[in-house]
Protein backbone atom coordinates (compact mmCIF):
# COMPACT_ATOMS: atom_id res chain seq x y z
CA MET A 1 -73.26 -27.19 -230.22
CA LEU A 2 -70.52 -26.91 -232.80
CA SER A 3 -69.59 -23.63 -234.39
CA ILE A 4 -68.89 -24.04 -238.09
CA ALA A 5 -66.75 -21.63 -240.10
CA ALA A 6 -68.10 -20.31 -243.42
CA GLY A 7 -65.80 -22.34 -245.69
CA THR A 8 -66.22 -25.63 -243.83
CA ARG A 9 -67.68 -28.48 -245.85
CA ILE A 10 -69.73 -31.25 -244.23
CA PHE A 11 -69.59 -34.81 -245.53
CA PHE A 12 -72.15 -37.39 -244.35
CA ALA A 13 -70.99 -41.01 -244.78
CA SER A 14 -73.60 -42.96 -246.74
CA GLU A 15 -73.05 -46.36 -245.11
CA PRO A 16 -73.67 -47.13 -241.42
CA THR A 17 -70.55 -47.07 -239.25
CA ASP A 18 -69.50 -49.14 -236.25
CA MET A 19 -69.69 -46.62 -233.38
CA ARG A 20 -66.88 -48.42 -231.54
CA LYS A 21 -64.47 -46.78 -233.98
CA GLY A 22 -62.32 -44.05 -232.49
CA PHE A 23 -59.98 -41.48 -233.97
CA ASP A 24 -57.86 -43.87 -236.03
CA GLY A 25 -60.79 -45.93 -237.32
CA LEU A 26 -62.81 -42.89 -238.38
CA GLN A 27 -59.73 -41.23 -239.89
CA GLY A 28 -59.20 -44.41 -241.92
CA LEU A 29 -62.79 -44.25 -243.19
CA VAL A 30 -62.38 -40.60 -244.17
CA MET A 31 -59.24 -41.37 -246.18
CA GLY A 32 -60.18 -44.79 -247.56
CA VAL A 33 -63.94 -44.71 -248.10
CA LEU A 34 -64.83 -41.03 -248.37
CA GLU A 35 -61.54 -40.24 -250.14
CA GLN A 36 -61.10 -36.97 -248.25
CA ASP A 37 -58.34 -35.44 -246.12
CA PRO A 38 -59.26 -35.69 -242.42
CA LEU A 39 -56.91 -32.78 -241.63
CA SER A 40 -58.71 -30.41 -244.02
CA GLY A 41 -60.85 -28.81 -241.30
CA HIS A 42 -64.07 -30.18 -242.79
CA LEU A 43 -66.63 -32.17 -240.78
CA PHE A 44 -67.17 -35.88 -241.38
CA LEU A 45 -70.41 -37.39 -240.06
CA PHE A 46 -70.93 -41.06 -239.30
CA ILE A 47 -74.14 -42.74 -238.18
CA ASN A 48 -74.84 -46.24 -236.86
CA ARG A 49 -77.20 -48.78 -238.42
CA ARG A 50 -80.04 -48.02 -235.97
CA ARG A 51 -79.58 -44.28 -236.68
CA ASP A 52 -79.67 -43.31 -233.02
CA LYS A 53 -75.95 -42.48 -232.68
CA LEU A 54 -73.90 -39.96 -234.63
CA LYS A 55 -70.20 -39.09 -234.56
CA ILE A 56 -68.54 -36.09 -236.16
CA LEU A 57 -64.80 -36.21 -236.80
CA TYR A 58 -63.00 -32.94 -237.45
CA TRP A 59 -59.57 -31.32 -237.29
CA ASP A 60 -59.49 -28.76 -234.49
CA GLY A 61 -56.32 -26.92 -235.52
CA ASP A 62 -53.87 -29.00 -233.50
CA GLY A 63 -55.54 -32.40 -233.35
CA LEU A 64 -58.52 -34.49 -234.33
CA ALA A 65 -61.70 -34.18 -232.29
CA ILE A 66 -64.84 -36.31 -232.12
CA TRP A 67 -68.29 -34.95 -231.32
CA TYR A 68 -70.64 -37.78 -230.32
CA ARG A 69 -74.41 -37.72 -229.89
CA ARG A 70 -76.76 -40.50 -228.75
CA LEU A 71 -80.54 -40.14 -228.93
CA GLU A 72 -82.67 -41.54 -226.12
CA GLN A 73 -85.70 -41.64 -228.45
CA GLY A 74 -86.13 -41.38 -232.20
CA THR A 75 -83.60 -41.52 -235.00
CA PHE A 76 -81.45 -39.23 -237.10
CA GLN A 77 -82.56 -38.70 -240.68
CA VAL A 78 -80.11 -39.82 -243.34
CA PRO A 79 -79.84 -37.38 -246.29
CA LYS A 80 -80.99 -38.67 -249.67
CA ARG A 81 -78.23 -40.00 -251.91
CA SER A 82 -77.75 -41.94 -255.10
CA THR A 83 -76.83 -45.60 -254.71
CA ASP A 84 -73.17 -45.20 -255.74
CA GLU A 85 -72.29 -42.19 -253.56
CA LYS A 86 -69.92 -42.84 -250.66
CA SER A 87 -70.89 -39.60 -248.95
CA VAL A 88 -73.39 -36.77 -249.21
CA GLU A 89 -72.32 -33.17 -248.76
CA ILE A 90 -74.73 -31.18 -246.63
CA ARG A 91 -74.82 -27.53 -245.55
CA SER A 92 -74.40 -26.25 -242.00
CA ASP A 93 -78.09 -25.32 -241.70
CA GLU A 94 -79.04 -28.86 -242.80
CA LEU A 95 -76.70 -30.26 -240.11
CA THR A 96 -78.41 -28.11 -237.48
CA MET A 97 -81.84 -29.31 -238.59
CA LEU A 98 -80.65 -32.93 -238.68
CA LEU A 99 -79.33 -32.64 -235.11
CA ARG A 100 -82.58 -30.98 -233.95
CA GLY A 101 -84.79 -33.68 -235.49
CA ILE A 102 -86.31 -31.62 -238.30
CA ASP A 103 -87.37 -33.65 -241.34
CA LEU A 104 -85.23 -32.37 -244.21
CA THR A 105 -87.64 -33.68 -246.85
CA SER A 106 -90.42 -31.42 -245.59
CA VAL A 107 -88.27 -28.27 -245.55
CA CYS A 108 -89.08 -25.90 -248.38
CA ARG A 109 -86.14 -23.72 -249.39
CA ARG A 110 -87.04 -20.34 -250.90
CA LYS A 111 -85.19 -19.11 -253.96
CA ARG A 112 -81.96 -17.20 -253.22
CA PHE A 113 -79.03 -15.92 -255.23
CA SER A 114 -75.96 -18.13 -255.24
CA MET A 115 -72.61 -17.87 -256.95
CA ALA A 116 -72.01 -20.55 -259.58
CA SER A 117 -69.36 -22.99 -258.37
């Protein structure tokens, strides 16, 4: 499992991605489509059309790294988005639930204090 620092943002690409893409291809998607800096230390998630494969591209301090997961059964849930969004930002707990197969639409979040951003 990945360990995620407190300030790390997680961006989930809205459109399906060709899982044959490697470091350069995914880095190009981060810069061109998601309009983010791949060297920022944030996580960038990509999923295939069948939703059974997921890649995470991230900067590991001295180089890019890819975390890859393939499901033998079932699919990953894609977060809800508006039609014009190129990516959806999710939280680290939502990423954990997504990887564990928990339906994010059925999760009820209790009210908590949060700083206005």
